[in-house]
Amino acid sequence: MPSKPEREQRTEHEIQIREVTDYQATWVERERGAPGAFTIQLILDHGVEEYVIVPTAEDAEVLMALFKGAERVTFDLERKVLMFGNQSVSA
């Protein structure tokens, strides 16, 4: 039978939807004078997991606005989906 720390660690890795607690956007030059690449590192659940996305420039601009305006952001590790905030369906 696995020990308590082993069971807790296994449970942590089974969680597929995590809260984005921090993010870091970067731009990397690929070649002198050539288009660069944007990356956004997602820090999930205060560092339990990390994931890097590589959006286009247009998508990076939209993502930055969504991050800024959302009270809560989650990321589905299995489906690779970012979800911005929770909206109530009741008026």
PDB file of N, CA and C in Angstrom:
ATOM      1  N   MET A   1       0.855  -1.176   0.000  1.00  0.00           N
ATOM      2  CA  MET A   1       0.000   0.000   0.000  1.00  0.00           C
ATOM      3  C   MET A   1       0.903   1.243   0.000  1.00  0.00           C
ATOM      4  N   PRO A   2       0.618   2.210  -0.897  1.00  0.00           N
ATOM      5  CA  PRO A   2       1.437   3.426  -0.957  1.00  0.00           C
ATOM      6  C   PRO A   2       1.319   4.244   0.323  1.00  0.00           C
ATOM      7  N   SER A   3       2.389   4.948   0.657  1.00  0.00           N
ATOM      8  CA  SER A   3       2.377   5.808   1.843  1.00  0.00           C
ATOM      9  C   SER A   3       1.502   7.025   1.578  1.00  0.00           C
ATOM     10  N   LYS A   4       1.179   7.751   2.650  1.00  0.00           N
ATOM     11  CA  LYS A   4       0.334   8.943   2.520  1.00  0.00           C
ATOM     12  C   LYS A   4       0.954   9.976   1.570  1.00  0.00           C
ATOM     13  N   PRO A   5       2.255  10.309   1.681  1.00  0.00           N
ATOM     14  CA  PRO A   5       2.837  11.256   0.725  1.00  0.00           C
ATOM     15  C   PRO A   5       2.759  10.768  -0.723  1.00  0.00           C
ATOM     16  N   GLU A   6       2.938   9.470  -0.946  1.00  0.00           N
ATOM     17  CA  GLU A   6       2.833   8.921  -2.309  1.00  0.00           C
ATOM     18  C   GLU A   6       1.411   9.042  -2.836  1.00  0.00           C
ATOM     19  N   ARG A   7       0.410   8.761  -1.989  1.00  0.00           N
ATOM     20  CA  ARG A   7      -0.998   8.885  -2.398  1.00  0.00           C
ATOM     21  C   ARG A   7      -1.328  10.331  -2.714  1.00  0.00           C
ATOM     22  N   GLU A   8      -0.859  11.262  -1.875  1.00  0.00           N
ATOM     23  CA  GLU A   8      -1.125  12.681  -2.115  1.00  0.00           C
ATOM     24  C   GLU A   8      -0.475  13.140  -3.419  1.00  0.00           C
ATOM     25  N   GLN A   9       0.744  12.672  -3.674  1.00  0.00           N
ATOM     26  CA  GLN A   9       1.435  13.063  -4.902  1.00  0.00           C
ATOM     27  C   GLN A   9       0.694  12.508  -6.121  1.00  0.00           C
ATOM     28  N   ARG A  10       0.246  11.280  -6.061  1.00  0.00           N
ATOM     29  CA  ARG A  10      -0.499  10.681  -7.172  1.00  0.00           C
ATOM     30  C   ARG A  10      -1.794  11.457  -7.422  1.00  0.00           C
ATOM     31  N   THR A  11      -2.493  11.842  -6.348  1.00  0.00           N
ATOM     32  CA  THR A  11      -3.720  12.619  -6.481  1.00  0.00           C
ATOM     33  C   THR A  11      -3.436  13.956  -7.144  1.00  0.00           C
ATOM     34  N   GLU A  12      -2.342  14.628  -6.744  1.00  0.00           N
ATOM     35  CA  GLU A  12      -1.973  15.906  -7.355  1.00  0.00           C
ATOM     36  C   GLU A  12      -1.796  15.777  -8.858  1.00  0.00           C
ATOM     37  N   HIS A  13      -1.198  14.682  -9.326  1.00  0.00           N
ATOM     38  CA  HIS A  13      -0.942  14.500 -10.751  1.00  0.00           C
ATOM     39  C   HIS A  13      -2.184  14.063 -11.520  1.00  0.00           C
ATOM     40  N   GLU A  14      -3.204  13.569 -10.828  1.00  0.00           N
ATOM     41  CA  GLU A  14      -4.433  13.170 -11.493  1.00  0.00           C
ATOM     42  C   GLU A  14      -5.348  14.358 -11.766  1.00  0.00           C
ATOM     43  N   ILE A  15      -5.144  15.462 -11.090  1.00  0.00           N
ATOM     44  CA  ILE A  15      -5.962  16.648 -11.302  1.00  0.00           C
ATOM     45  C   ILE A  15      -5.650  17.209 -12.676  1.00  0.00           C
ATOM     46  N   GLN A  16      -6.666  17.389 -13.502  1.00  0.00           N
ATOM     47  CA  GLN A  16      -6.454  17.834 -14.866  1.00  0.00           C
ATOM     48  C   GLN A  16      -6.763  19.319 -15.076  1.00  0.00           C
ATOM     49  N   ILE A  17      -7.567  19.926 -14.203  1.00  0.00           N
ATOM     50  CA  ILE A  17      -7.871  21.350 -14.327  1.00  0.00           C
ATOM     51  C   ILE A  17      -7.237  22.065 -13.153  1.00  0.00           C
ATOM     52  N   ARG A  18      -6.364  23.019 -13.478  1.00  0.00           N
ATOM     53  CA  ARG A  18      -5.609  23.736 -12.449  1.00  0.00           C
ATOM     54  C   ARG A  18      -5.831  25.233 -12.591  1.00  0.00           C
ATOM     55  N   GLU A  19      -5.701  25.936 -11.478  1.00  0.00           N
ATOM     56  CA  GLU A  19      -5.811  27.393 -11.500  1.00  0.00           C
ATOM     57  C   GLU A  19      -4.488  27.999 -11.944  1.00  0.00           C
ATOM     58  N   VAL A  20      -4.573  28.978 -12.838  1.00  0.00           N
ATOM     59  CA  VAL A  20      -3.387  29.726 -13.252  1.00  0.00           C
ATOM     60  C   VAL A  20      -3.163  30.785 -12.176  1.00  0.00           C
ATOM     61  N   THR A  21      -2.112  30.613 -11.386  1.00  0.00           N
ATOM     62  CA  THR A  21      -1.857  31.551 -10.292  1.00  0.00           C
ATOM     63  C   THR A  21      -0.872  32.644 -10.694  1.00  0.00           C
ATOM     64  N   ASP A  22      -0.062  32.400 -11.703  1.00  0.00           N
ATOM     65  CA  ASP A  22       0.876  33.391 -12.232  1.00  0.00           C
ATOM     66  C   ASP A  22       1.138  33.053 -13.694  1.00  0.00           C
ATOM     67  N   TYR A  23       1.634  34.042 -14.422  1.00  0.00           N
ATOM     68  CA  TYR A  23       2.071  33.775 -15.791  1.00  0.00           C
ATOM     69  C   TYR A  23       3.211  34.711 -16.127  1.00  0.00           C
ATOM     70  N   GLN A  24       4.012  34.300 -17.103  1.00  0.00           N
ATOM     71  CA  GLN A  24       5.119  35.129 -17.550  1.00  0.00           C
ATOM     72  C   GLN A  24       5.126  35.115 -19.070  1.00  0.00           C
ATOM     73  N   ALA A  25       4.953  36.291 -19.659  1.00  0.00           N
ATOM     74  CA  ALA A  25       4.983  36.415 -21.113  1.00  0.00           C
ATOM     75  C   ALA A  25       6.388  36.810 -21.544  1.00  0.00           C
ATOM     76  N   THR A  26       6.865  36.190 -22.625  1.00  0.00           N
ATOM     77  CA  THR A  26       8.187  36.516 -23.156  1.00  0.00           C
ATOM     78  C   THR A  26       8.122  36.593 -24.674  1.00  0.00           C
ATOM     79  N   TRP A  27       9.115  37.260 -25.231  1.00  0.00           N
ATOM     80  CA  TRP A  27       9.295  37.306 -26.679  1.00  0.00           C
ATOM     81  C   TRP A  27      10.729  36.908 -26.952  1.00  0.00           C
ATOM     82  N   VAL A  28      10.937  36.048 -27.944  1.00  0.00           N
ATOM     83  CA  VAL A  28      12.260  35.538 -28.262  1.00  0.00           C
ATOM     84  C   VAL A  28      12.598  35.872 -29.712  1.00  0.00           C
ATOM     85  N   GLU A  29      13.776  36.436 -29.923  1.00  0.00           N
ATOM     86  CA  GLU A  29      14.249  36.680 -31.279  1.00  0.00           C
ATOM     87  C   GLU A  29      14.741  35.357 -31.851  1.00  0.00           C
ATOM     88  N   ARG A  30      14.272  35.000 -33.022  1.00  0.00           N
ATOM     89  CA  ARG A  30      14.717  33.745 -33.655  1.00  0.00           C
ATOM     90  C   ARG A  30      15.938  33.994 -34.530  1.00  0.00           C
ATOM     91  N   GLU A  31      15.842  34.972 -35.397  1.00  0.00           N
ATOM     92  CA  GLU A  31      16.962  35.379 -36.255  1.00  0.00           C
ATOM     93  C   GLU A  31      16.931  36.887 -36.359  1.00  0.00           C
ATOM     94  N   ARG A  32      18.086  37.473 -36.582  1.00  0.00           N
ATOM     95  CA  ARG A  32      18.176  38.917 -36.735  1.00  0.00           C
ATOM     96  C   ARG A  32      17.276  39.363 -37.878  1.00  0.00           C
ATOM     97  N   GLY A  33      16.321  40.250 -37.590  1.00  0.00           N
ATOM     98  CA  GLY A  33      15.425  40.788 -38.605  1.00  0.00           C
ATOM     99  C   GLY A  33      14.239  39.900 -38.953  1.00  0.00           C
ATOM    100  N   ALA A  34      14.187  38.694 -38.402  1.00  0.00           N
ATOM    101  CA  ALA A  34      13.077  37.771 -38.674  1.00  0.00           C
ATOM    102  C   ALA A  34      12.036  37.895 -37.568  1.00  0.00           C
ATOM    103  N   PRO A  35      10.826  37.467 -37.854  1.00  0.00           N
ATOM    104  CA  PRO A  35       9.801  37.496 -36.800  1.00  0.00           C
ATOM    105  C   PRO A  35      10.231  36.674 -35.582  1.00  0.00           C
ATOM    106  N   GLY A  36       9.877  37.165 -34.413  1.00  0.00           N
ATOM    107  CA  GLY A  36      10.187  36.450 -33.179  1.00  0.00           C
ATOM    108  C   GLY A  36       9.042  35.543 -32.781  1.00  0.00           C
ATOM    109  N   ALA A  37       9.140  35.012 -31.590  1.00  0.00           N
ATOM    110  CA  ALA A  37       8.103  34.115 -31.078  1.00  0.00           C
ATOM    111  C   ALA A  37       7.715  34.534 -29.666  1.00  0.00           C
ATOM    112  N   PHE A  38       6.423  34.544 -29.405  1.00  0.00           N
ATOM    113  CA  PHE A  38       5.905  34.802 -28.068  1.00  0.00           C
ATOM    114  C   PHE A  38       5.711  33.477 -27.353  1.00  0.00           C
ATOM    115  N   THR A  39       5.991  33.468 -26.053  1.00  0.00           N
ATOM    116  CA  THR A  39       5.643  32.335 -25.206  1.00  0.00           C
ATOM    117  C   THR A  39       4.987  32.886 -23.950  1.00  0.00           C
ATOM    118  N   ILE A  40       4.091  32.105 -23.404  1.00  0.00           N
ATOM    119  CA  ILE A  40       3.479  32.452 -22.120  1.00  0.00           C
ATOM    120  C   ILE A  40       3.605  31.222 -21.233  1.00  0.00           C
ATOM    121  N   GLN A  41       4.360  31.383 -20.144  1.00  0.00           N
ATOM    122  CA  GLN A  41       4.530  30.302 -19.183  1.00  0.00           C
ATOM    123  C   GLN A  41       3.413  30.421 -18.157  1.00  0.00           C
ATOM    124  N   LEU A  42       2.630  29.383 -18.029  1.00  0.00           N
ATOM    125  CA  LEU A  42       1.540  29.347 -17.055  1.00  0.00           C
ATOM    126  C   LEU A  42       2.041  28.654 -15.799  1.00  0.00           C
ATOM    127  N   ILE A  43       1.948  29.337 -14.671  1.00  0.00           N
ATOM    128  CA  ILE A  43       2.277  28.743 -13.372  1.00  0.00           C
ATOM    129  C   ILE A  43       0.942  28.288 -12.788  1.00  0.00           C
ATOM    130  N   LEU A  44       0.814  27.001 -12.554  1.00  0.00           N
ATOM    131  CA  LEU A  44      -0.458  26.419 -12.142  1.00  0.00           C
ATOM    132  C   LEU A  44      -0.427  26.025 -10.677  1.00  0.00           C
ATOM    133  N   ASP A  45      -1.461  26.434  -9.953  1.00  0.00           N
ATOM    134  CA  ASP A  45      -1.600  26.118  -8.523  1.00  0.00           C
ATOM    135  C   ASP A  45      -0.319  26.407  -7.753  1.00  0.00           C
ATOM    136  N   HIS A  46       0.180  27.627  -7.897  1.00  0.00           N
ATOM    137  CA  HIS A  46       1.352  28.110  -7.158  1.00  0.00           C
ATOM    138  C   HIS A  46       2.592  27.251  -7.387  1.00  0.00           C
ATOM    139  N   GLY A  47       2.756  26.747  -8.600  1.00  0.00           N
ATOM    140  CA  GLY A  47       3.967  26.010  -8.941  1.00  0.00           C
ATOM    141  C   GLY A  47       3.860  24.502  -8.908  1.00  0.00           C
ATOM    142  N   VAL A  48       2.680  23.968  -8.625  1.00  0.00           N
ATOM    143  CA  VAL A  48       2.514  22.515  -8.642  1.00  0.00           C
ATOM    144  C   VAL A  48       2.817  21.981 -10.043  1.00  0.00           C
ATOM    145  N   GLU A  49       2.392  22.732 -11.070  1.00  0.00           N
ATOM    146  CA  GLU A  49       2.672  22.382 -12.456  1.00  0.00           C
ATOM    147  C   GLU A  49       2.960  23.663 -13.220  1.00  0.00           C
ATOM    148  N   GLU A  50       3.588  23.521 -14.376  1.00  0.00           N
ATOM    149  CA  GLU A  50       3.835  24.637 -15.289  1.00  0.00           C
ATOM    150  C   GLU A  50       3.525  24.151 -16.693  1.00  0.00           C
ATOM    151  N   TYR A  51       3.129  25.086 -17.544  1.00  0.00           N
ATOM    152  CA  TYR A  51       2.858  24.748 -18.936  1.00  0.00           C
ATOM    153  C   TYR A  51       3.197  25.968 -19.777  1.00  0.00           C
ATOM    154  N   VAL A  52       3.810  25.767 -20.937  1.00  0.00           N
ATOM    155  CA  VAL A  52       4.186  26.874 -21.811  1.00  0.00           C
ATOM    156  C   VAL A  52       3.346  26.806 -23.078  1.00  0.00           C
ATOM    157  N   ILE A  53       2.717  27.941 -23.413  1.00  0.00           N
ATOM    158  CA  ILE A  53       1.989  28.042 -24.673  1.00  0.00           C
ATOM    159  C   ILE A  53       2.757  28.978 -25.597  1.00  0.00           C
ATOM    160  N   VAL A  54       2.587  28.791 -26.904  1.00  0.00           N
ATOM    161  CA  VAL A  54       3.305  29.579 -27.905  1.00  0.00           C
ATOM    162  C   VAL A  54       2.264  30.193 -28.846  1.00  0.00           C
ATOM    163  N   PRO A  55       1.657  31.319 -28.428  1.00  0.00           N
ATOM    164  CA  PRO A  55       0.620  31.936 -29.254  1.00  0.00           C
ATOM    165  C   PRO A  55       1.207  32.802 -30.371  1.00  0.00           C
ATOM    166  N   THR A  56       0.373  33.071 -31.375  1.00  0.00           N
ATOM    167  CA  THR A  56       0.743  34.063 -32.382  1.00  0.00           C
ATOM    168  C   THR A  56       0.732  35.434 -31.717  1.00  0.00           C
ATOM    169  N   ALA A  57       1.259  36.437 -32.393  1.00  0.00           N
ATOM    170  CA  ALA A  57       1.263  37.798 -31.843  1.00  0.00           C
ATOM    171  C   ALA A  57      -0.161  38.275 -31.572  1.00  0.00           C
ATOM    172  N   GLU A  58      -1.067  37.990 -32.493  1.00  0.00           N
ATOM    173  CA  GLU A  58      -2.465  38.412 -32.309  1.00  0.00           C
ATOM    174  C   GLU A  58      -3.104  37.703 -31.123  1.00  0.00           C
ATOM    175  N   ASP A  59      -2.866  36.402 -31.012  1.00  0.00           N
ATOM    176  CA  ASP A  59      -3.418  35.654 -29.884  1.00  0.00           C
ATOM    177  C   ASP A  59      -2.807  36.106 -28.561  1.00  0.00           C
ATOM    178  N   ALA A  60      -1.509  36.414 -28.564  1.00  0.00           N
ATOM    179  CA  ALA A  60      -0.847  36.883 -27.332  1.00  0.00           C
ATOM    180  C   ALA A  60      -1.482  38.176 -26.851  1.00  0.00           C
ATOM    181  N   GLU A  61      -1.804  39.067 -27.769  1.00  0.00           N
ATOM    182  CA  GLU A  61      -2.438  40.335 -27.403  1.00  0.00           C
ATOM    183  C   GLU A  61      -3.807  40.097 -26.758  1.00  0.00           C
ATOM    184  N   VAL A  62      -4.579  39.219 -27.346  1.00  0.00           N
ATOM    185  CA  VAL A  62      -5.901  38.894 -26.799  1.00  0.00           C
ATOM    186  C   VAL A  62      -5.752  38.204 -25.436  1.00  0.00           C
ATOM    187  N   LEU A  63      -4.829  37.267 -25.336  1.00  0.00           N
ATOM    188  CA  LEU A  63      -4.624  36.559 -24.068  1.00  0.00           C
ATOM    189  C   LEU A  63      -4.233  37.514 -22.945  1.00  0.00           C
ATOM    190  N   MET A  64      -3.360  38.474 -23.231  1.00  0.00           N
ATOM    191  CA  MET A  64      -2.957  39.438 -22.208  1.00  0.00           C
ATOM    192  C   MET A  64      -4.162  40.236 -21.706  1.00  0.00           C
ATOM    193  N   ALA A  65      -5.039  40.611 -22.617  1.00  0.00           N
ATOM    194  CA  ALA A  65      -6.254  41.335 -22.212  1.00  0.00           C
ATOM    195  C   ALA A  65      -7.168  40.440 -21.378  1.00  0.00           C
ATOM    196  N   LEU A  66      -7.304  39.194 -21.767  1.00  0.00           N
ATOM    197  CA  LEU A  66      -8.136  38.274 -21.002  1.00  0.00           C
ATOM    198  C   LEU A  66      -7.562  38.017 -19.609  1.00  0.00           C
ATOM    199  N   PHE A  67      -6.253  37.817 -19.511  1.00  0.00           N
ATOM    200  CA  PHE A  67      -5.619  37.639 -18.196  1.00  0.00           C
ATOM    201  C   PHE A  67      -5.874  38.851 -17.313  1.00  0.00           C
ATOM    202  N   LYS A  68      -5.731  40.038 -17.893  1.00  0.00           N
ATOM    203  CA  LYS A  68      -5.883  41.273 -17.123  1.00  0.00           C
ATOM    204  C   LYS A  68      -7.308  41.439 -16.602  1.00  0.00           C
ATOM    205  N   GLY A  69      -8.290  41.039 -17.396  1.00  0.00           N
ATOM    206  CA  GLY A  69      -9.679  41.268 -17.018  1.00  0.00           C
ATOM    207  C   GLY A  69     -10.332  40.158 -16.216  1.00  0.00           C
ATOM    208  N   ALA A  70      -9.708  38.995 -16.145  1.00  0.00           N
ATOM    209  CA  ALA A  70     -10.339  37.854 -15.466  1.00  0.00           C
ATOM    210  C   ALA A  70     -10.002  37.831 -13.984  1.00  0.00           C
ATOM    211  N   GLU A  71     -11.003  37.522 -13.183  1.00  0.00           N
ATOM    212  CA  GLU A  71     -10.763  37.351 -11.753  1.00  0.00           C
ATOM    213  C   GLU A  71     -10.107  36.008 -11.469  1.00  0.00           C
ATOM    214  N   ARG A  72     -10.412  35.029 -12.307  1.00  0.00           N
ATOM    215  CA  ARG A  72      -9.882  33.673 -12.100  1.00  0.00           C
ATOM    216  C   ARG A  72      -9.644  33.042 -13.463  1.00  0.00           C
ATOM    217  N   VAL A  73      -8.492  32.386 -13.601  1.00  0.00           N
ATOM    218  CA  VAL A  73      -8.154  31.696 -14.849  1.00  0.00           C
ATOM    219  C   VAL A  73      -7.784  30.266 -14.500  1.00  0.00           C
ATOM    220  N   THR A  74      -8.346  29.314 -15.239  1.00  0.00           N
ATOM    221  CA  THR A  74      -8.002  27.914 -15.054  1.00  0.00           C
ATOM    222  C   THR A  74      -7.503  27.343 -16.379  1.00  0.00           C
ATOM    223  N   PHE A  75      -6.757  26.239 -16.287  1.00  0.00           N
ATOM    224  CA  PHE A  75      -6.202  25.595 -17.471  1.00  0.00           C
ATOM    225  C   PHE A  75      -6.458  24.105 -17.384  1.00  0.00           C
ATOM    226  N   ASP A  76      -7.051  23.552 -18.440  1.00  0.00           N
ATOM    227  CA  ASP A  76      -7.317  22.130 -18.536  1.00  0.00           C
ATOM    228  C   ASP A  76      -6.097  21.484 -19.192  1.00  0.00           C
ATOM    229  N   LEU A  77      -5.314  20.754 -18.410  1.00  0.00           N
ATOM    230  CA  LEU A  77      -4.084  20.138 -18.896  1.00  0.00           C
ATOM    231  C   LEU A  77      -4.329  19.085 -19.974  1.00  0.00           C
ATOM    232  N   GLU A  78      -5.430  18.364 -19.866  1.00  0.00           N
ATOM    233  CA  GLU A  78      -5.706  17.297 -20.824  1.00  0.00           C
ATOM    234  C   GLU A  78      -6.131  17.862 -22.181  1.00  0.00           C
ATOM    235  N   ARG A  79      -7.050  18.835 -22.171  1.00  0.00           N
ATOM    236  CA  ARG A  79      -7.566  19.383 -23.425  1.00  0.00           C
ATOM    237  C   ARG A  79      -6.811  20.618 -23.900  1.00  0.00           C
ATOM    238  N   LYS A  80      -5.896  21.156 -23.070  1.00  0.00           N
ATOM    239  CA  LYS A  80      -5.101  22.357 -23.395  1.00  0.00           C
ATOM    240  C   LYS A  80      -6.006  23.563 -23.636  1.00  0.00           C
ATOM    241  N   VAL A  81      -6.910  23.814 -22.671  1.00  0.00           N
ATOM    242  CA  VAL A  81      -7.886  24.892 -22.781  1.00  0.00           C
ATOM    243  C   VAL A  81      -7.717  25.851 -21.619  1.00  0.00           C
ATOM    244  N   LEU A  82      -7.599  27.158 -21.925  1.00  0.00           N
ATOM    245  CA  LEU A  82      -7.606  28.199 -20.901  1.00  0.00           C
ATOM    246  C   LEU A  82      -9.041  28.670 -20.716  1.00  0.00           C
ATOM    247  N   MET A  83      -9.464  28.822 -19.460  1.00  0.00           N
ATOM    248  CA  MET A  83     -10.812  29.290 -19.156  1.00  0.00           C
ATOM    249  C   MET A  83     -10.697  30.524 -18.274  1.00  0.00           C
ATOM    250  N   PHE A  84     -11.367  31.586 -18.682  1.00  0.00           N
ATOM    251  CA  PHE A  84     -11.231  32.874 -18.021  1.00  0.00           C
ATOM    252  C   PHE A  84     -12.474  33.216 -17.225  1.00  0.00           C
ATOM    253  N   GLY A  85     -12.376  33.077 -15.898  1.00  0.00           N
ATOM    254  CA  GLY A  85     -13.443  33.476 -14.983  1.00  0.00           C
ATOM    255  C   GLY A  85     -14.640  32.562 -15.018  1.00  0.00           C
ATOM    256  N   ASN A  86     -15.496  32.789 -14.071  1.00  0.00           N
ATOM    257  CA  ASN A  86     -16.767  32.080 -13.981  1.00  0.00           C
ATOM    258  C   ASN A  86     -17.884  33.101 -14.124  1.00  0.00           C
ATOM    259  N   GLN A  87     -18.820  32.815 -14.982  1.00  0.00           N
ATOM    260  CA  GLN A  87     -19.967  33.694 -15.183  1.00  0.00           C
ATOM    261  C   GLN A  87     -21.212  32.993 -14.691  1.00  0.00           C
ATOM    262  N   SER A  88     -21.996  33.675 -13.881  1.00  0.00           N
ATOM    263  CA  SER A  88     -23.234  33.119 -13.372  1.00  0.00           C
ATOM    264  C   SER A  88     -24.272  33.110 -14.483  1.00  0.00           C
ATOM    265  N   VAL A  89     -25.076  32.057 -14.555  1.00  0.00           N
ATOM    266  CA  VAL A  89     -26.139  32.001 -15.562  1.00  0.00           C
ATOM    267  C   VAL A  89     -27.427  32.617 -15.047  1.00  0.00           C
ATOM    268  N   SER A  90     -27.508  32.896 -13.757  1.00  0.00           N
ATOM    269  CA  SER A  90     -28.708  33.530 -13.215  1.00  0.00           C
ATOM    270  C   SER A  90     -28.546  35.048 -13.257  1.00  0.00           C
ATOM    271  N   ALA A  91     -29.635  35.713 -13.513  1.00  0.00           N
ATOM    272  CA  ALA A  91     -29.598  37.176 -13.638  1.00  0.00           C
ATOM    273  C   ALA A  91     -29.747  37.864 -12.309  1.00  0.00           C
TER     274      ALA A  91
END
